[in-house]
C-alpha atoms as a PDB file:
ATOM      1  CA  MET A   1       0.000   0.000   0.000  1.00  0.00           C
ATOM      2  CA  PRO A   2       1.589   3.324  -1.057  1.00  0.00           C
ATOM      3  CA  ARG A   3       2.100   5.619   1.921  1.00  0.00           C
ATOM      4  CA  ARG A   4       0.306   8.915   2.209  1.00  0.00           C
ATOM      5  CA  ARG A   5       2.362  11.866   0.971  1.00  0.00           C
ATOM      6  CA  LYS A   6       2.444  15.360   2.421  1.00  0.00           C
ATOM      7  CA  VAL A   7       1.693  16.621  -1.092  1.00  0.00           C
ATOM      8  CA  GLY A   8       0.423  13.629  -3.062  1.00  0.00           C
ATOM      9  CA  ASN A   9      -0.214  15.320  -6.413  1.00  0.00           C
ATOM     10  CA  LEU A  10       2.171  13.994  -9.079  1.00  0.00           C
ATOM     11  CA  THR A  11       2.879  17.611  -9.984  1.00  0.00           C
ATOM     12  CA  ALA A  12       4.859  17.754  -6.748  1.00  0.00           C
ATOM     13  CA  LEU A  13       6.955  14.803  -7.910  1.00  0.00           C
ATOM     14  CA  ALA A  14       7.643  16.593 -11.192  1.00  0.00           C
ATOM     15  CA  VAL A  15       8.678  19.773  -9.361  1.00  0.00           C
ATOM     16  CA  LEU A  16      11.028  17.876  -7.041  1.00  0.00           C
ATOM     17  CA  ALA A  17      12.621  16.053  -9.975  1.00  0.00           C
ATOM     18  CA  THR A  18      13.205  19.403 -11.679  1.00  0.00           C
ATOM     19  CA  LEU A  19      14.548  21.280  -8.658  1.00  0.00           C
ATOM     20  CA  VAL A  20      17.016  18.486  -7.890  1.00  0.00           C
ATOM     21  CA  GLU A  21      19.021  19.890 -10.821  1.00  0.00           C
ATOM     22  CA  ARG A  22      19.159  23.535  -9.674  1.00  0.00           C
ATOM     23  CA  PRO A  23      17.010  26.234  -8.030  1.00  0.00           C
ATOM     24  CA  MET A  24      14.278  27.675 -10.286  1.00  0.00           C
ATOM     25  CA  HIS A  25      11.284  29.966 -10.121  1.00  0.00           C
ATOM     26  CA  PRO A  26       7.862  28.411 -10.908  1.00  0.00           C
ATOM     27  CA  TYR A  27       7.685  29.756 -14.456  1.00  0.00           C
ATOM     28  CA  GLU A  28      11.065  28.178 -15.251  1.00  0.00           C
ATOM     29  CA  MET A  29       9.945  24.913 -13.645  1.00  0.00           C
ATOM     30  CA  ALA A  30       6.793  24.848 -15.789  1.00  0.00           C
ATOM     31  CA  THR A  31       8.717  25.654 -18.971  1.00  0.00           C
ATOM     32  CA  THR A  32      11.259  22.918 -18.265  1.00  0.00           C
ATOM     33  CA  LEU A  33       8.532  20.349 -17.564  1.00  0.00           C
ATOM     34  CA  ARG A  34       6.692  21.231 -20.768  1.00  0.00           C
ATOM     35  CA  ASP A  35       9.871  21.109 -22.855  1.00  0.00           C
ATOM     36  CA  ARG A  36      10.629  17.632 -21.535  1.00  0.00           C
ATOM     37  CA  GLY A  37       7.080  16.320 -21.933  1.00  0.00           C
ATOM     38  CA  LYS A  38       6.755  15.636 -18.207  1.00  0.00           C
ATOM     39  CA  ASP A  39       3.267  17.157 -18.234  1.00  0.00           C
ATOM     40  CA  GLN A  40       2.193  14.137 -20.311  1.00  0.00           C
ATOM     41  CA  ASP A  41       3.995  11.638 -18.074  1.00  0.00           C
ATOM     42  CA  MET A  42       2.448  12.960 -14.878  1.00  0.00           C
ATOM     43  CA  GLY A  43      -0.843  14.524 -15.961  1.00  0.00           C
ATOM     44  CA  ILE A  44       0.079  17.966 -14.677  1.00  0.00           C
ATOM     45  CA  LYS A  45      -2.877  20.337 -14.272  1.00  0.00           C
ATOM     46  CA  TRP A  46      -1.392  23.754 -14.906  1.00  0.00           C
ATOM     47  CA  GLY A  47      -4.284  25.589 -13.254  1.00  0.00           C
ATOM     48  CA  SER A  48      -3.194  24.236  -9.862  1.00  0.00           C
ATOM     49  CA  PHE A  49       0.555  24.373 -10.468  1.00  0.00           C
ATOM     50  CA  TYR A  50       1.292  27.396  -8.277  1.00  0.00           C
ATOM     51  CA  THR A  51      -0.956  26.032  -5.515  1.00  0.00           C
ATOM     52  CA  VAL A  52       1.056  22.797  -5.470  1.00  0.00           C
ATOM     53  CA  VAL A  53       4.304  24.778  -5.283  1.00  0.00           C
ATOM     54  CA  ARG A  54       3.002  26.780  -2.315  1.00  0.00           C
ATOM     55  CA  ASN A  55       1.872  23.588  -0.557  1.00  0.00           C
ATOM     56  CA  MET A  56       5.295  22.050  -1.087  1.00  0.00           C
ATOM     57  CA  GLU A  57       6.929  25.091   0.510  1.00  0.00           C
ATOM     58  CA  ARG A  58       4.498  24.935   3.423  1.00  0.00           C
ATOM     59  CA  HIS A  59       5.420  21.291   4.050  1.00  0.00           C
ATOM     60  CA  GLY A  60       9.161  21.963   3.853  1.00  0.00           C
ATOM     61  CA  LEU A  61       9.821  20.054   0.628  1.00  0.00           C
ATOM     62  CA  ILE A  62      11.128  23.172  -1.103  1.00  0.00           C
ATOM     63  CA  ALA A  63      12.336  26.533   0.214  1.00  0.00           C
ATOM     64  CA  ALA A  64      12.526  30.039  -1.222  1.00  0.00           C
ATOM     65  CA  VAL A  65      16.086  31.280  -1.734  1.00  0.00           C
ATOM     66  CA  GLU A  66      15.576  34.637  -3.441  1.00  0.00           C
ATOM     67  CA  SER A  67      13.214  36.825  -5.420  1.00  0.00           C
ATOM     68  CA  VAL A  68      14.210  38.042  -8.883  1.00  0.00           C
ATOM     69  CA  ARG A  69      12.761  40.559 -11.281  1.00  0.00           C
ATOM     70  CA  GLU A  70      13.307  40.677 -15.040  1.00  0.00           C
ATOM     71  CA  GLY A  71      12.457  44.011 -16.617  1.00  0.00           C
ATOM     72  CA  ARG A  72       8.863  44.975 -15.958  1.00  0.00           C
ATOM     73  CA  ARG A  73       7.760  41.436 -15.163  1.00  0.00           C
ATOM     74  CA  PRO A  74       6.397  40.691 -11.689  1.00  0.00           C
ATOM     75  CA  GLU A  75       8.889  39.573  -9.069  1.00  0.00           C
ATOM     76  CA  ARG A  76       9.469  35.820  -9.085  1.00  0.00           C
ATOM     77  CA  THR A  77      10.480  33.635  -6.168  1.00  0.00           C
ATOM     78  CA  VAL A  78      13.277  31.135  -6.785  1.00  0.00           C
ATOM     79  CA  TYR A  79      12.957  27.818  -4.942  1.00  0.00           C
ATOM     80  CA  ARG A  80      15.427  25.080  -4.079  1.00  0.00           C
ATOM     81  CA  ILE A  81      14.777  21.500  -3.001  1.00  0.00           C
ATOM     82  CA  THR A  82      15.308  20.846   0.723  1.00  0.00           C
ATOM     83  CA  ASP A  83      16.834  17.762   2.343  1.00  0.00           C
ATOM     84  CA  ASP A  84      13.296  16.609   3.208  1.00  0.00           C
ATOM     85  CA  GLY A  85      12.264  17.206  -0.376  1.00  0.00           C
ATOM     86  CA  ARG A  86      15.183  15.188  -1.715  1.00  0.00           C
ATOM     87  CA  ALA A  87      14.352  12.314   0.634  1.00  0.00           C
ATOM     88  CA  GLU A  88      10.698  12.500  -0.443  1.00  0.00           C
ATOM     89  CA  LEU A  89      11.677  12.408  -4.121  1.00  0.00           C
ATOM     90  CA  VAL A  90      13.816   9.285  -3.691  1.00  0.00           C
ATOM     91  CA  ASP A  91      11.250   7.487  -1.511  1.00  0.00           C
ATOM     92  CA  TRP A  92       8.427   8.387  -3.917  1.00  0.00           C
ATOM     93  CA  ALA A  93      10.394   7.106  -6.918  1.00  0.00           C
ATOM     94  CA  ARG A  94      11.117   3.846  -5.104  1.00  0.00           C
ATOM     95  CA  GLY A  95       7.437   3.299  -4.370  1.00  0.00           C
ATOM     96  CA  LEU A  96       6.291   4.100  -7.902  1.00  0.00           C
ATOM     97  CA  VAL A  97       8.810   1.726  -9.463  1.00  0.00           C
ATOM     98  CA  ALA A  98       8.449  -1.189  -7.037  1.00  0.00           C
ATOM     99  CA  THR A  99       4.779  -1.222  -6.017  1.00  0.00           C
ATOM    100  CA  PRO A 100       2.012  -2.068  -8.527  1.00  0.00           C
ATOM    101  CA  VAL A 101      -1.164  -0.035  -8.030  1.00  0.00           C
ATOM    102  CA  ALA A 102      -4.525  -0.879  -9.606  1.00  0.00           C
ATOM    103  CA  GLU A 103      -5.333   1.675 -12.307  1.00  0.00           C
ATOM    104  CA  HIS A 104      -8.535   1.962 -14.303  1.00  0.00           C
ATOM    105  CA  PRO A 105      -7.997   3.058 -17.908  1.00  0.00           C
ATOM    106  CA  ARG A 106     -11.028   4.145 -19.925  1.00  0.00           C
ATOM    107  CA  PHE A 107     -10.590   1.274 -22.388  1.00  0.00           C
ATOM    108  CA  ARG A 108     -11.026  -1.234 -19.575  1.00  0.00           C
ATOM    109  CA  ALA A 109     -14.294   0.451 -18.625  1.00  0.00           C
ATOM    110  CA  GLY A 110     -15.466   0.199 -22.228  1.00  0.00           C
ATOM    111  CA  LEU A 111     -14.579  -3.489 -22.405  1.00  0.00           C
ATOM    112  CA  SER A 112     -16.558  -4.126 -19.220  1.00  0.00           C
ATOM    113  CA  VAL A 113     -19.757  -3.076 -21.024  1.00  0.00           C
ATOM    114  CA  LEU A 114     -18.886  -4.436 -24.477  1.00  0.00           C
ATOM    115  CA  ALA A 115     -21.931  -6.733 -24.358  1.00  0.00           C
ATOM    116  CA  VAL A 116     -24.298  -3.759 -24.818  1.00  0.00           C
ATOM    117  CA  LEU A 117     -23.007  -3.441 -28.398  1.00  0.00           C
ATOM    118  CA  HIS A 118     -23.882  -5.729 -31.288  1.00  0.00           C
ATOM    119  CA  PRO A 119     -20.841  -7.919 -31.998  1.00  0.00           C
ATOM    120  CA  ASP A 120     -20.564  -6.485 -35.515  1.00  0.00           C
ATOM    121  CA  GLU A 121     -20.438  -2.951 -34.121  1.00  0.00           C
ATOM    122  CA  ALA A 122     -17.966  -4.005 -31.418  1.00  0.00           C
ATOM    123  CA  THR A 123     -15.764  -5.517 -34.129  1.00  0.00           C
ATOM    124  CA  ALA A 124     -15.886  -2.347 -36.234  1.00  0.00           C
ATOM    125  CA  LEU A 125     -15.063  -0.133 -33.241  1.00  0.00           C
ATOM    126  CA  LEU A 126     -12.142  -2.331 -32.213  1.00  0.00           C
ATOM    127  CA  ARG A 127     -10.795  -2.180 -35.759  1.00  0.00           C
ATOM    128  CA  GLU A 128     -11.088   1.604 -35.610  1.00  0.00           C
ATOM    129  CA  ARG A 129      -9.196   1.677 -32.320  1.00  0.00           C
ATOM    130  CA  LEU A 130      -6.541  -0.673 -33.697  1.00  0.00           C
ATOM    131  CA  ALA A 131      -5.974   1.536 -36.746  1.00  0.00           C
ATOM    132  CA  ARG A 132      -5.476   4.577 -34.513  1.00  0.00           C
ATOM    133  CA  LEU A 133      -3.179   2.630 -32.210  1.00  0.00           C
ATOM    134  CA  GLU A 134      -1.058   1.486 -35.138  1.00  0.00           C
ATOM    135  CA  ASP A 135      -0.694   5.077 -36.339  1.00  0.00           C
ATOM    136  CA  GLU A 136       0.329   6.204 -32.840  1.00  0.00           C
ATOM    137  CA  ILE A 137       2.766   3.307 -32.493  1.00  0.00           C
ATOM    138  CA  GLY A 138       4.408   4.215 -35.783  1.00  0.00           C
ATOM    139  CA  ASN A 139       4.752   7.853 -34.769  1.00  0.00           C
ATOM    140  CA  GLU A 140       6.108   6.933 -31.331  1.00  0.00           C
ATOM    141  CA  ARG A 141       8.709   4.603 -32.833  1.00  0.00           C
ATOM    142  CA  VAL A 142       9.981   7.378 -35.094  1.00  0.00           C
ATOM    143  CA  ALA A 143      10.026   9.918 -32.248  1.00  0.00           C
ATOM    144  CA  LEU A 144      11.803   7.509 -29.898  1.00  0.00           C
ATOM    145  CA  ALA A 145      14.464   6.741 -32.499  1.00  0.00           C
ATOM    146  CA  GLU A 146      15.061  10.468 -33.062  1.00  0.00           C
ATOM    147  CA  HIS A 147      15.285  11.209 -29.343  1.00  0.00           C
ATOM    148  CA  ALA A 148      17.621   8.253 -28.784  1.00  0.00           C
ATOM    149  CA  ARG A 149      20.233   9.980 -30.940  1.00  0.00           C
ATOM    150  CA  LEU A 150      20.219  13.001 -28.646  1.00  0.00           C
ATOM    151  CA  VAL A 151      19.173  11.802 -25.180  1.00  0.00           C
ATOM    152  CA  PRO A 152      20.583   8.951 -23.047  1.00  0.00           C
ATOM    153  CA  ARG A 153      18.272   5.950 -22.910  1.00  0.00           C
ATOM    154  CA  LEU A 154      17.910   6.367 -19.138  1.00  0.00           C
ATOM    155  CA  PHE A 155      15.812   9.469 -19.785  1.00  0.00           C
ATOM    156  CA  LEU A 156      13.582   7.736 -22.354  1.00  0.00           C
ATOM    157  CA  VAL A 157      12.517   4.665 -20.376  1.00  0.00           C
ATOM    158  CA  GLU A 158       8.999   6.050 -19.800  1.00  0.00           C
ATOM    159  CA  ASN A 159       8.628   6.489 -23.574  1.00  0.00           C
ATOM    160  CA  GLU A 160       9.766   2.910 -24.126  1.00  0.00           C
ATOM    161  CA  TYR A 161       7.202   1.759 -21.563  1.00  0.00           C
ATOM    162  CA  ASP A 162       4.375   3.662 -23.286  1.00  0.00           C
ATOM    163  CA  LEU A 163       5.347   2.182 -26.638  1.00  0.00           C
ATOM    164  CA  ARG A 164       5.473  -1.389 -25.326  1.00  0.00           C
ATOM    165  CA  ILE A 165       2.105  -1.000 -23.591  1.00  0.00           C
ATOM    166  CA  ARG A 166       0.533   0.246 -26.841  1.00  0.00           C
ATOM    167  CA  GLU A 167       2.145  -2.581 -28.800  1.00  0.00           C
ATOM    168  CA  ALA A 168       0.794  -5.137 -26.307  1.00  0.00           C
ATOM    169  CA  GLU A 169      -2.694  -3.624 -26.488  1.00  0.00           C
ATOM    170  CA  ALA A 170      -2.608  -3.693 -30.294  1.00  0.00           C
ATOM    171  CA  ALA A 171      -1.513  -7.339 -30.295  1.00  0.00           C
ATOM    172  CA  TRP A 172      -4.321  -8.257 -27.887  1.00  0.00           C
ATOM    173  CA  ILE A 173      -6.944  -6.455 -29.996  1.00  0.00           C
ATOM    174  CA  ARG A 174      -5.706  -8.230 -33.141  1.00  0.00           C
ATOM    175  CA  ALA A 175      -6.067 -11.601 -31.411  1.00  0.00           C
ATOM    176  CA  LEU A 176      -9.552 -10.707 -30.145  1.00  0.00           C
ATOM    177  CA  LEU A 177     -10.647  -9.555 -33.593  1.00  0.00           C
ATOM    178  CA  ALA A 178      -9.345 -12.803 -35.083  1.00  0.00           C
ATOM    179  CA  GLU A 179     -11.622 -14.742 -32.705  1.00  0.00           C
ATOM    180  CA  PHE A 180     -14.600 -12.538 -33.558  1.00  0.00           C
ATOM    181  CA  THR A 181     -13.962 -12.903 -37.298  1.00  0.00           C
ATOM    182  CA  SER A 182     -13.454 -16.680 -37.218  1.00  0.00           C
ATOM    183  CA  GLY A 183     -16.437 -17.211 -34.937  1.00  0.00           C
ATOM    184  CA  SER A 184     -14.287 -19.031 -32.364  1.00  0.00           C
ATOM    185  CA  TYR A 185     -14.970 -16.559 -29.562  1.00  0.00           C
ATOM    186  CA  PRO A 186     -16.998 -18.378 -26.848  1.00  0.00           C
ATOM    187  CA  GLY A 187     -20.631 -17.246 -26.641  1.00  0.00           C
ATOM    188  CA  LEU A 188     -20.446 -15.173 -29.849  1.00  0.00           C
ATOM    189  CA  ASP A 189     -23.624 -16.729 -31.296  1.00  0.00           C
ATOM    190  CA  GLU A 190     -25.584 -16.067 -28.110  1.00  0.00           C
ATOM    191  CA  TRP A 191     -24.288 -12.491 -27.985  1.00  0.00           C
ATOM    192  CA  ARG A 192     -25.384 -11.921 -31.568  1.00  0.00           C
ATOM    193  CA  ALA A 193     -28.774 -13.593 -31.046  1.00  0.00           C
ATOM    194  CA  TYR A 194     -29.472 -11.432 -28.004  1.00  0.00           C
ATOM    195  CA  HIS A 195     -29.110  -8.241 -30.034  1.00  0.00           C
ATOM    196  CA  GLU A 196     -30.897  -9.523 -33.127  1.00  0.00           C
ATOM    197  CA  ALA A 197     -33.885 -10.767 -31.113  1.00  0.00           C
ATOM    198  CA  GLY A 198     -34.477  -7.293 -29.698  1.00  0.00           C
ATOM    199  CA  PRO A 199     -35.138  -6.367 -26.077  1.00  0.00           C
ATOM    200  CA  PRO A 200     -37.302  -8.810 -24.102  1.00  0.00           C
ATOM    201  CA  GLU A 201     -40.987  -7.975 -23.717  1.00  0.00           C
ATOM    202  CA  PRO A 202     -41.932  -6.851 -20.208  1.00  0.00           C
ATOM    203  CA  GLY A 203     -43.945  -9.443 -18.328  1.00  0.00           C
ATOM    204  CA  PRO A 204     -47.502  -8.845 -17.058  1.00  0.00           C
ATOM    205  CA  THR A 205     -47.826  -7.254 -13.657  1.00  0.00           C
ATOM    206  CA  GLY A 206     -50.400  -7.877 -10.984  1.00  0.00           C
ATOM    207  CA  GLY A 207     -51.636  -5.700  -8.139  1.00  0.00           C
ATOM    208  CA  GLY A 208     -49.031  -3.833  -6.170  1.00  0.00           C
ATOM    209  CA  GLY A 209     -46.631  -3.796  -9.106  1.00  0.00           C
ATOM    210  CA  THR A 210     -45.387  -7.379  -8.636  1.00  0.00           C
ATOM    211  CA  THR A 211     -44.578  -9.610 -11.621  1.00  0.00           C
ATOM    212  CA  THR A 212     -46.837 -12.631 -12.082  1.00  0.00           C
END
Protein backbone atom coordinates (compact mmCIF):
# COMPACT_ATOMS: atom_id res chain seq x y z
CA MET A 1 0.00 0.00 0.00
CA PRO A 2 1.59 3.32 -1.06
CA ARG A 3 2.10 5.62 1.92
CA ARG A 4 0.31 8.92 2.21
CA ARG A 5 2.36 11.87 0.97
CA LYS A 6 2.44 15.36 2.42
CA VAL A 7 1.69 16.62 -1.09
CA GLY A 8 0.42 13.63 -3.06
CA ASN A 9 -0.21 15.32 -6.41
CA LEU A 10 2.17 13.99 -9.08
CA THR A 11 2.88 17.61 -9.98
CA ALA A 12 4.86 17.75 -6.75
CA LEU A 13 6.96 14.80 -7.91
CA ALA A 14 7.64 16.59 -11.19
CA VAL A 15 8.68 19.77 -9.36
CA LEU A 16 11.03 17.88 -7.04
CA ALA A 17 12.62 16.05 -9.97
CA THR A 18 13.20 19.40 -11.68
CA LEU A 19 14.55 21.28 -8.66
CA VAL A 20 17.02 18.49 -7.89
CA GLU A 21 19.02 19.89 -10.82
CA ARG A 22 19.16 23.54 -9.67
CA PRO A 23 17.01 26.23 -8.03
CA MET A 24 14.28 27.67 -10.29
CA HIS A 25 11.28 29.97 -10.12
CA PRO A 26 7.86 28.41 -10.91
CA TYR A 27 7.69 29.76 -14.46
CA GLU A 28 11.06 28.18 -15.25
CA MET A 29 9.94 24.91 -13.65
CA ALA A 30 6.79 24.85 -15.79
CA THR A 31 8.72 25.65 -18.97
CA THR A 32 11.26 22.92 -18.27
CA LEU A 33 8.53 20.35 -17.56
CA ARG A 34 6.69 21.23 -20.77
CA ASP A 35 9.87 21.11 -22.86
CA ARG A 36 10.63 17.63 -21.54
CA GLY A 37 7.08 16.32 -21.93
CA LYS A 38 6.75 15.64 -18.21
CA ASP A 39 3.27 17.16 -18.23
CA GLN A 40 2.19 14.14 -20.31
CA ASP A 41 4.00 11.64 -18.07
CA MET A 42 2.45 12.96 -14.88
CA GLY A 43 -0.84 14.52 -15.96
CA ILE A 44 0.08 17.97 -14.68
CA LYS A 45 -2.88 20.34 -14.27
CA TRP A 46 -1.39 23.75 -14.91
CA GLY A 47 -4.28 25.59 -13.25
CA SER A 48 -3.19 24.24 -9.86
CA PHE A 49 0.56 24.37 -10.47
CA TYR A 50 1.29 27.40 -8.28
CA THR A 51 -0.96 26.03 -5.51
CA VAL A 52 1.06 22.80 -5.47
CA VAL A 53 4.30 24.78 -5.28
CA ARG A 54 3.00 26.78 -2.32
CA ASN A 55 1.87 23.59 -0.56
CA MET A 56 5.29 22.05 -1.09
CA GLU A 57 6.93 25.09 0.51
CA ARG A 58 4.50 24.94 3.42
CA HIS A 59 5.42 21.29 4.05
CA GLY A 60 9.16 21.96 3.85
CA LEU A 61 9.82 20.05 0.63
CA ILE A 62 11.13 23.17 -1.10
CA ALA A 63 12.34 26.53 0.21
CA ALA A 64 12.53 30.04 -1.22
CA VAL A 65 16.09 31.28 -1.73
CA GLU A 66 15.58 34.64 -3.44
CA SER A 67 13.21 36.82 -5.42
CA VAL A 68 14.21 38.04 -8.88
CA ARG A 69 12.76 40.56 -11.28
CA GLU A 70 13.31 40.68 -15.04
CA GLY A 71 12.46 44.01 -16.62
CA ARG A 72 8.86 44.97 -15.96
CA ARG A 73 7.76 41.44 -15.16
CA PRO A 74 6.40 40.69 -11.69
CA GLU A 75 8.89 39.57 -9.07
CA ARG A 76 9.47 35.82 -9.08
CA THR A 77 10.48 33.64 -6.17
CA VAL A 78 13.28 31.14 -6.78
CA TYR A 79 12.96 27.82 -4.94
CA ARG A 80 15.43 25.08 -4.08
CA ILE A 81 14.78 21.50 -3.00
CA THR A 82 15.31 20.85 0.72
CA ASP A 83 16.83 17.76 2.34
CA ASP A 84 13.30 16.61 3.21
CA GLY A 85 12.26 17.21 -0.38
CA ARG A 86 15.18 15.19 -1.71
CA ALA A 87 14.35 12.31 0.63
CA GLU A 88 10.70 12.50 -0.44
CA LEU A 89 11.68 12.41 -4.12
CA VAL A 90 13.82 9.28 -3.69
CA ASP A 91 11.25 7.49 -1.51
CA TRP A 92 8.43 8.39 -3.92
CA ALA A 93 10.39 7.11 -6.92
CA ARG A 94 11.12 3.85 -5.10
CA GLY A 95 7.44 3.30 -4.37
CA LEU A 96 6.29 4.10 -7.90
CA VAL A 97 8.81 1.73 -9.46
CA ALA A 98 8.45 -1.19 -7.04
CA THR A 99 4.78 -1.22 -6.02
CA PRO A 100 2.01 -2.07 -8.53
CA VAL A 101 -1.16 -0.04 -8.03
CA ALA A 102 -4.52 -0.88 -9.61
CA GLU A 103 -5.33 1.67 -12.31
CA HIS A 104 -8.53 1.96 -14.30
CA PRO A 105 -8.00 3.06 -17.91
CA ARG A 106 -11.03 4.15 -19.93
CA PHE A 107 -10.59 1.27 -22.39
CA ARG A 108 -11.03 -1.23 -19.57
CA ALA A 109 -14.29 0.45 -18.63
CA GLY A 110 -15.47 0.20 -22.23
CA LEU A 111 -14.58 -3.49 -22.40
CA SER A 112 -16.56 -4.13 -19.22
CA VAL A 113 -19.76 -3.08 -21.02
CA LEU A 114 -18.89 -4.44 -24.48
CA ALA A 115 -21.93 -6.73 -24.36
CA VAL A 116 -24.30 -3.76 -24.82
CA LEU A 117 -23.01 -3.44 -28.40
CA HIS A 118 -23.88 -5.73 -31.29
CA PRO A 119 -20.84 -7.92 -32.00
CA ASP A 120 -20.56 -6.48 -35.51
CA GLU A 121 -20.44 -2.95 -34.12
CA ALA A 122 -17.97 -4.00 -31.42
CA THR A 123 -15.76 -5.52 -34.13
CA ALA A 124 -15.89 -2.35 -36.23
CA LEU A 125 -15.06 -0.13 -33.24
CA LEU A 126 -12.14 -2.33 -32.21
CA ARG A 127 -10.79 -2.18 -35.76
CA GLU A 128 -11.09 1.60 -35.61
CA ARG A 129 -9.20 1.68 -32.32
CA LEU A 130 -6.54 -0.67 -33.70
CA ALA A 131 -5.97 1.54 -36.75
CA ARG A 132 -5.48 4.58 -34.51
CA LEU A 133 -3.18 2.63 -32.21
CA GLU A 134 -1.06 1.49 -35.14
CA ASP A 135 -0.69 5.08 -36.34
CA GLU A 136 0.33 6.20 -32.84
CA ILE A 137 2.77 3.31 -32.49
CA GLY A 138 4.41 4.21 -35.78
CA ASN A 139 4.75 7.85 -34.77
CA GLU A 140 6.11 6.93 -31.33
CA ARG A 141 8.71 4.60 -32.83
CA VAL A 142 9.98 7.38 -35.09
CA ALA A 143 10.03 9.92 -32.25
CA LEU A 144 11.80 7.51 -29.90
CA ALA A 145 14.46 6.74 -32.50
CA GLU A 146 15.06 10.47 -33.06
CA HIS A 147 15.29 11.21 -29.34
CA ALA A 148 17.62 8.25 -28.78
CA ARG A 149 20.23 9.98 -30.94
CA LEU A 150 20.22 13.00 -28.65
CA VAL A 151 19.17 11.80 -25.18
CA PRO A 152 20.58 8.95 -23.05
CA ARG A 153 18.27 5.95 -22.91
CA LEU A 154 17.91 6.37 -19.14
CA PHE A 155 15.81 9.47 -19.78
CA LEU A 156 13.58 7.74 -22.35
CA VAL A 157 12.52 4.66 -20.38
CA GLU A 158 9.00 6.05 -19.80
CA ASN A 159 8.63 6.49 -23.57
CA GLU A 160 9.77 2.91 -24.13
CA TYR A 161 7.20 1.76 -21.56
CA ASP A 162 4.38 3.66 -23.29
CA LEU A 163 5.35 2.18 -26.64
CA ARG A 164 5.47 -1.39 -25.33
CA ILE A 165 2.10 -1.00 -23.59
CA ARG A 166 0.53 0.25 -26.84
CA GLU A 167 2.15 -2.58 -28.80
CA ALA A 168 0.79 -5.14 -26.31
CA GLU A 169 -2.69 -3.62 -26.49
CA ALA A 170 -2.61 -3.69 -30.29
CA ALA A 171 -1.51 -7.34 -30.29
CA TRP A 172 -4.32 -8.26 -27.89
CA ILE A 173 -6.94 -6.46 -30.00
CA ARG A 174 -5.71 -8.23 -33.14
CA ALA A 175 -6.07 -11.60 -31.41
CA LEU A 176 -9.55 -10.71 -30.15
CA LEU A 177 -10.65 -9.55 -33.59
CA ALA A 178 -9.35 -12.80 -35.08
CA GLU A 179 -11.62 -14.74 -32.71
CA PHE A 180 -14.60 -12.54 -33.56
CA THR A 181 -13.96 -12.90 -37.30
CA SER A 182 -13.45 -16.68 -37.22
CA GLY A 183 -16.44 -17.21 -34.94
CA SER A 184 -14.29 -19.03 -32.36
CA TYR A 185 -14.97 -16.56 -29.56
CA PRO A 186 -17.00 -18.38 -26.85
CA GLY A 187 -20.63 -17.25 -26.64
CA LEU A 188 -20.45 -15.17 -29.85
CA ASP A 189 -23.62 -16.73 -31.30
CA GLU A 190 -25.58 -16.07 -28.11
CA TRP A 191 -24.29 -12.49 -27.98
CA ARG A 192 -25.38 -11.92 -31.57
CA ALA A 193 -28.77 -13.59 -31.05
CA TYR A 194 -29.47 -11.43 -28.00
CA HIS A 195 -29.11 -8.24 -30.03
CA GLU A 196 -30.90 -9.52 -33.13
CA ALA A 197 -33.89 -10.77 -31.11
CA GLY A 198 -34.48 -7.29 -29.70
CA PRO A 199 -35.14 -6.37 -26.08
CA PRO A 200 -37.30 -8.81 -24.10
CA GLU A 201 -40.99 -7.98 -23.72
CA PRO A 202 -41.93 -6.85 -20.21
CA GLY A 203 -43.94 -9.44 -18.33
CA PRO A 204 -47.50 -8.85 -17.06
CA THR A 205 -47.83 -7.25 -13.66
CA GLY A 206 -50.40 -7.88 -10.98
CA GLY A 207 -51.64 -5.70 -8.14
CA GLY A 208 -49.03 -3.83 -6.17
CA GLY A 209 -46.63 -3.80 -9.11
CA THR A 210 -45.39 -7.38 -8.64
CA THR A 211 -44.58 -9.61 -11.62
CA THR A 212 -46.84 -12.63 -12.08
